[in-house]
C-alpha atoms as a PDB file:
ATOM      1  CA  UNK A   1      -5.476  11.573 -38.369  1.00  0.00           C
ATOM      2  CA  UNK A   2      -8.785   9.817 -37.669  1.00  0.00           C
ATOM      3  CA  UNK A   3      -6.935   6.735 -36.401  1.00  0.00           C
ATOM      4  CA  UNK A   4      -4.818   8.926 -34.101  1.00  0.00           C
ATOM      5  CA  UNK A   5      -7.925  10.560 -32.606  1.00  0.00           C
ATOM      6  CA  UNK A   6      -9.593   7.175 -32.172  1.00  0.00           C
ATOM      7  CA  UNK A   7      -6.452   5.844 -30.477  1.00  0.00           C
ATOM      8  CA  UNK A   8      -6.393   8.829 -28.139  1.00  0.00           C
ATOM      9  CA  UNK A   9     -10.037   8.248 -27.188  1.00  0.00           C
ATOM     10  CA  UNK A  10      -9.340   4.586 -26.375  1.00  0.00           C
ATOM     11  CA  UNK A  11      -6.239   5.533 -24.379  1.00  0.00           C
ATOM     12  CA  UNK A  12      -8.241   8.041 -22.333  1.00  0.00           C
ATOM     13  CA  UNK A  13     -11.023   5.512 -21.765  1.00  0.00           C
ATOM     14  CA  UNK A  14      -8.455   2.945 -20.658  1.00  0.00           C
ATOM     15  CA  UNK A  15      -6.960   5.432 -18.208  1.00  0.00           C
ATOM     16  CA  UNK A  16     -10.408   6.263 -16.847  1.00  0.00           C
ATOM     17  CA  UNK A  17     -11.176   2.583 -16.354  1.00  0.00           C
ATOM     18  CA  UNK A  18      -7.813   2.017 -14.632  1.00  0.00           C
ATOM     19  CA  UNK A  19      -8.284   5.020 -12.357  1.00  0.00           C
ATOM     20  CA  UNK A  20     -11.812   3.921 -11.496  1.00  0.00           C
ATOM     21  CA  UNK A  21     -10.459   0.496 -10.536  1.00  0.00           C
ATOM     22  CA  UNK A  22      -8.446   1.954  -7.670  1.00  0.00           C
ATOM     23  CA  UNK A  23      -9.980   1.991  -4.218  1.00  0.00           C
ATOM     24  CA  UNK A  24      -8.754   3.703  -1.037  1.00  0.00           C
ATOM     25  CA  UNK A  25      -9.657   2.039   2.243  1.00  0.00           C
ATOM     26  CA  UNK A  26      -8.695   2.740   5.865  1.00  0.00           C
ATOM     27  CA  UNK A  27      -5.762   0.636   7.038  1.00  0.00           C
ATOM     28  CA  UNK A  28      -7.430  -0.021  10.385  1.00  0.00           C
ATOM     29  CA  UNK A  29     -11.060  -0.970  10.972  1.00  0.00           C
ATOM     30  CA  UNK A  30     -11.353   0.383  14.486  1.00  0.00           C
ATOM     31  CA  UNK A  31      -8.791   2.157  16.635  1.00  0.00           C
ATOM     32  CA  UNK A  32      -5.319   2.908  15.330  1.00  0.00           C
ATOM     33  CA  UNK A  33      -2.654   1.403  17.595  1.00  0.00           C
ATOM     34  CA  UNK A  34      -0.191   3.738  19.288  1.00  0.00           C
ATOM     35  CA  UNK A  35      -2.373   6.803  18.604  1.00  0.00           C
ATOM     36  CA  UNK A  36      -3.171   9.607  21.004  1.00  0.00           C
ATOM     37  CA  UNK A  37      -6.477  11.408  20.686  1.00  0.00           C
ATOM     38  CA  UNK A  38      -8.363  12.169  17.510  1.00  0.00           C
ATOM     39  CA  UNK A  39      -6.248  12.085  14.367  1.00  0.00           C
ATOM     40  CA  UNK A  40      -6.472  14.663  11.590  1.00  0.00           C
ATOM     41  CA  UNK A  41      -7.505  13.289   8.189  1.00  0.00           C
ATOM     42  CA  UNK A  42      -3.928  13.474   6.893  1.00  0.00           C
ATOM     43  CA  UNK A  43      -2.743  11.318   9.838  1.00  0.00           C
ATOM     44  CA  UNK A  44      -5.156   8.440   9.164  1.00  0.00           C
ATOM     45  CA  UNK A  45      -3.335   5.591   7.402  1.00  0.00           C
ATOM     46  CA  UNK A  46      -4.908   4.154   4.251  1.00  0.00           C
ATOM     47  CA  UNK A  47      -4.352   1.517   1.610  1.00  0.00           C
ATOM     48  CA  UNK A  48      -5.063   2.326  -2.042  1.00  0.00           C
ATOM     49  CA  UNK A  49      -5.660  -0.740  -4.196  1.00  0.00           C
ATOM     50  CA  UNK A  50      -4.803  -0.940  -7.893  1.00  0.00           C
ATOM     51  CA  UNK A  51      -6.158  -4.129  -9.427  1.00  0.00           C
ATOM     52  CA  UNK A  52      -4.900  -5.240 -12.827  1.00  0.00           C
ATOM     53  CA  UNK A  53      -7.202  -6.196 -15.667  1.00  0.00           C
ATOM     54  CA  UNK A  54      -8.516  -9.705 -15.020  1.00  0.00           C
ATOM     55  CA  UNK A  55      -6.886 -11.010 -18.208  1.00  0.00           C
ATOM     56  CA  UNK A  56      -3.445  -9.805 -17.025  1.00  0.00           C
ATOM     57  CA  UNK A  57      -3.696 -10.598 -13.291  1.00  0.00           C
ATOM     58  CA  UNK A  58      -0.984 -13.041 -12.172  1.00  0.00           C
ATOM     59  CA  UNK A  59      -1.781 -13.351  -8.449  1.00  0.00           C
ATOM     60  CA  UNK A  60       1.257 -11.371  -7.304  1.00  0.00           C
ATOM     61  CA  UNK A  61       0.885  -8.387  -4.973  1.00  0.00           C
ATOM     62  CA  UNK A  62       3.245  -5.500  -4.268  1.00  0.00           C
ATOM     63  CA  UNK A  63       2.864  -3.115  -1.335  1.00  0.00           C
ATOM     64  CA  UNK A  64       4.369   0.307  -2.037  1.00  0.00           C
ATOM     65  CA  UNK A  65       5.694   2.701   0.615  1.00  0.00           C
ATOM     66  CA  UNK A  66       6.261   6.221  -0.792  1.00  0.00           C
ATOM     67  CA  UNK A  67       9.140   8.318   0.486  1.00  0.00           C
ATOM     68  CA  UNK A  68       9.272  11.850   1.797  1.00  0.00           C
ATOM     69  CA  UNK A  69      12.009  11.951   4.458  1.00  0.00           C
ATOM     70  CA  UNK A  70       9.410  11.139   7.153  1.00  0.00           C
ATOM     71  CA  UNK A  71       8.137  14.725   6.756  1.00  0.00           C
ATOM     72  CA  UNK A  72       5.594  14.194   3.949  1.00  0.00           C
ATOM     73  CA  UNK A  73       4.594  11.393   1.575  1.00  0.00           C
ATOM     74  CA  UNK A  74       5.336  11.608  -2.155  1.00  0.00           C
ATOM     75  CA  UNK A  75       2.090   9.703  -2.745  1.00  0.00           C
ATOM     76  CA  UNK A  76       1.662  10.580  -6.422  1.00  0.00           C
ATOM     77  CA  UNK A  77       5.121  10.040  -7.902  1.00  0.00           C
ATOM     78  CA  UNK A  78       6.413   7.364  -5.520  1.00  0.00           C
ATOM     79  CA  UNK A  79       3.093   5.639  -4.890  1.00  0.00           C
ATOM     80  CA  UNK A  80       0.133   6.022  -7.221  1.00  0.00           C
ATOM     81  CA  UNK A  81       2.191   6.387 -10.422  1.00  0.00           C
ATOM     82  CA  UNK A  82       4.273   3.327  -9.506  1.00  0.00           C
ATOM     83  CA  UNK A  83       1.155   1.308  -8.651  1.00  0.00           C
ATOM     84  CA  UNK A  84      -0.349   2.013 -12.079  1.00  0.00           C
ATOM     85  CA  UNK A  85       2.756   0.577 -13.759  1.00  0.00           C
ATOM     86  CA  UNK A  86       2.645  -2.593 -11.640  1.00  0.00           C
ATOM     87  CA  UNK A  87      -1.094  -3.029 -12.284  1.00  0.00           C
ATOM     88  CA  UNK A  88      -0.505  -2.661 -16.034  1.00  0.00           C
ATOM     89  CA  UNK A  89       1.941  -5.585 -15.739  1.00  0.00           C
ATOM     90  CA  UNK A  90      -0.657  -7.809 -14.014  1.00  0.00           C
ATOM     91  CA  UNK A  91       0.465  -7.229 -10.418  1.00  0.00           C
ATOM     92  CA  UNK A  92      -2.057  -6.046  -7.831  1.00  0.00           C
ATOM     93  CA  UNK A  93      -0.497  -2.969  -6.250  1.00  0.00           C
ATOM     94  CA  UNK A  94      -1.196  -1.353  -2.894  1.00  0.00           C
ATOM     95  CA  UNK A  95      -0.041   2.127  -1.903  1.00  0.00           C
ATOM     96  CA  UNK A  96       0.281   2.690   1.833  1.00  0.00           C
ATOM     97  CA  UNK A  97      -0.323   6.120   3.293  1.00  0.00           C
ATOM     98  CA  UNK A  98       1.511   5.429   6.549  1.00  0.00           C
ATOM     99  CA  UNK A  99       1.678   7.658   9.611  1.00  0.00           C
ATOM    100  CA  UNK A 100       4.560  10.074   9.788  1.00  0.00           C
ATOM    101  CA  UNK A 101       6.357  10.165  13.163  1.00  0.00           C
ATOM    102  CA  UNK A 102       4.771  12.884  15.340  1.00  0.00           C
ATOM    103  CA  UNK A 103       5.005  13.110  19.116  1.00  0.00           C
ATOM    104  CA  UNK A 104       1.676  14.938  19.373  1.00  0.00           C
ATOM    105  CA  UNK A 105      -0.407  12.100  17.837  1.00  0.00           C
ATOM    106  CA  UNK A 106       1.407   8.899  18.860  1.00  0.00           C
ATOM    107  CA  UNK A 107       2.828   7.306  21.960  1.00  0.00           C
ATOM    108  CA  UNK A 108       5.949   5.939  20.260  1.00  0.00           C
ATOM    109  CA  UNK A 109       6.757   7.650  16.980  1.00  0.00           C
ATOM    110  CA  UNK A 110       9.619   5.231  16.278  1.00  0.00           C
ATOM    111  CA  UNK A 111       7.260   2.321  15.538  1.00  0.00           C
ATOM    112  CA  UNK A 112       4.166   3.953  13.975  1.00  0.00           C
ATOM    113  CA  UNK A 113       5.286   3.598  10.316  1.00  0.00           C
ATOM    114  CA  UNK A 114       6.295  -0.028  10.982  1.00  0.00           C
ATOM    115  CA  UNK A 115       2.910  -0.728  12.584  1.00  0.00           C
ATOM    116  CA  UNK A 116       1.206   0.587   9.448  1.00  0.00           C
ATOM    117  CA  UNK A 117       3.490  -1.543   7.258  1.00  0.00           C
ATOM    118  CA  UNK A 118       2.608  -4.661   9.274  1.00  0.00           C
ATOM    119  CA  UNK A 119      -1.084  -3.806   9.080  1.00  0.00           C
ATOM    120  CA  UNK A 120      -0.817  -3.362   5.301  1.00  0.00           C
ATOM    121  CA  UNK A 121       0.736  -6.786   4.741  1.00  0.00           C
ATOM    122  CA  UNK A 122      -1.768  -8.306   7.175  1.00  0.00           C
ATOM    123  CA  UNK A 123      -4.706  -6.785   5.285  1.00  0.00           C
ATOM    124  CA  UNK A 124      -3.394  -7.892   1.907  1.00  0.00           C
ATOM    125  CA  UNK A 125      -2.900 -11.468   3.114  1.00  0.00           C
ATOM    126  CA  UNK A 126      -6.274 -11.606   4.895  1.00  0.00           C
ATOM    127  CA  UNK A 127      -8.101 -10.371   1.763  1.00  0.00           C
ATOM    128  CA  UNK A 128      -5.924 -12.280  -0.722  1.00  0.00           C
ATOM    129  CA  UNK A 129      -8.689 -14.515  -2.031  1.00  0.00           C
ATOM    130  CA  UNK A 130     -11.139 -11.609  -2.384  1.00  0.00           C
ATOM    131  CA  UNK A 131      -8.559  -9.515  -4.267  1.00  0.00           C
ATOM    132  CA  UNK A 132      -7.323 -12.399  -6.462  1.00  0.00           C
ATOM    133  CA  UNK A 133      -3.900 -12.646  -4.852  1.00  0.00           C
ATOM    134  CA  UNK A 134      -1.732 -15.642  -3.990  1.00  0.00           C
ATOM    135  CA  UNK A 135      -1.018 -15.035  -0.273  1.00  0.00           C
ATOM    136  CA  UNK A 136       2.454 -16.526  -0.820  1.00  0.00           C
ATOM    137  CA  UNK A 137       3.339 -13.881  -3.436  1.00  0.00           C
ATOM    138  CA  UNK A 138       3.183 -10.642  -1.441  1.00  0.00           C
ATOM    139  CA  UNK A 139       6.149  -8.315  -1.803  1.00  0.00           C
ATOM    140  CA  UNK A 140       7.130  -4.814  -0.751  1.00  0.00           C
ATOM    141  CA  UNK A 141       8.942  -1.844  -2.248  1.00  0.00           C
ATOM    142  CA  UNK A 142       9.717   1.583  -0.866  1.00  0.00           C
ATOM    143  CA  UNK A 143      11.383   4.827  -1.783  1.00  0.00           C
ATOM    144  CA  UNK A 144      13.603   6.895   0.517  1.00  0.00           C
ATOM    145  CA  UNK A 145      11.919   6.884   3.948  1.00  0.00           C
ATOM    146  CA  UNK A 146       9.433   4.387   2.497  1.00  0.00           C
ATOM    147  CA  UNK A 147      12.414   2.193   1.611  1.00  0.00           C
ATOM    148  CA  UNK A 148      13.418   2.345   5.260  1.00  0.00           C
ATOM    149  CA  UNK A 149       9.882   1.326   6.272  1.00  0.00           C
ATOM    150  CA  UNK A 150       9.960  -1.569   3.778  1.00  0.00           C
ATOM    151  CA  UNK A 151      13.433  -2.715   4.849  1.00  0.00           C
ATOM    152  CA  UNK A 152      12.439  -2.562   8.516  1.00  0.00           C
ATOM    153  CA  UNK A 153       9.316  -4.627   7.810  1.00  0.00           C
ATOM    154  CA  UNK A 154      11.369  -7.181   5.903  1.00  0.00           C
ATOM    155  CA  UNK A 155      14.033  -7.518   8.589  1.00  0.00           C
ATOM    156  CA  UNK A 156      11.969  -7.167  11.779  1.00  0.00           C
ATOM    157  CA  UNK A 157       9.199  -9.618  10.956  1.00  0.00           C
ATOM    158  CA  UNK A 158      10.127 -11.741  13.984  1.00  0.00           C
ATOM    159  CA  UNK A 159       8.188  -9.331  16.225  1.00  0.00           C
ATOM    160  CA  UNK A 160       4.624  -8.054  15.880  1.00  0.00           C
ATOM    161  CA  UNK A 161       4.062  -4.372  16.585  1.00  0.00           C
ATOM    162  CA  UNK A 162       0.307  -4.691  15.944  1.00  0.00           C
ATOM    163  CA  UNK A 163      -2.326  -7.058  17.318  1.00  0.00           C
ATOM    164  CA  UNK A 164      -2.218 -10.257  15.256  1.00  0.00           C
ATOM    165  CA  UNK A 165      -4.535 -12.772  16.910  1.00  0.00           C
ATOM    166  CA  UNK A 166      -5.095 -14.326  13.462  1.00  0.00           C
ATOM    167  CA  UNK A 167      -1.367 -15.155  13.405  1.00  0.00           C
ATOM    168  CA  UNK A 168      -1.059 -13.781   9.864  1.00  0.00           C
ATOM    169  CA  UNK A 169       2.416 -13.996   8.347  1.00  0.00           C
ATOM    170  CA  UNK A 170       3.711 -10.390   8.405  1.00  0.00           C
ATOM    171  CA  UNK A 171       6.949 -11.169   6.563  1.00  0.00           C
ATOM    172  CA  UNK A 172       7.037 -10.168   2.898  1.00  0.00           C
ATOM    173  CA  UNK A 173       7.812 -12.882   0.346  1.00  0.00           C
ATOM    174  CA  UNK A 174      10.082 -10.565  -1.611  1.00  0.00           C
ATOM    175  CA  UNK A 175      11.539  -7.072  -1.349  1.00  0.00           C
END
């Protein structure tokens, strides 16, 4: 019984350390392309980073696009929970809170999620060294509408929908 309690304590501490390791950052530094007016908090795209333990890190990154039928984002079950599993396997995981298509806050709602996907891969590649990632091992995964975003990113990488003066490769290495 004592060993079980001790194991539970270590498991909880491990979870707390893992959860503390995540960091949410804005996807864009300055203005958000294709936006109209001031965005509500829920419309601001972000990137949540889940870094693996240093001893397990393998340099691979996965960018996760949660689903939600383009009406909401299933951030917890199709994003954060998935990222924790990847991080436990040594893969640095990134959950994208992308903009949902809305006429009232964007000029062209057909490209906003793709712009956020391009920005996510751009950010991951530009910060690869800082985050302990091999910039040639950046992949994507998505669920439902997020799968559509991921597939569109993977198949439309010949055209930039965001400013890319750094000429960062926006094509994922695997899907």
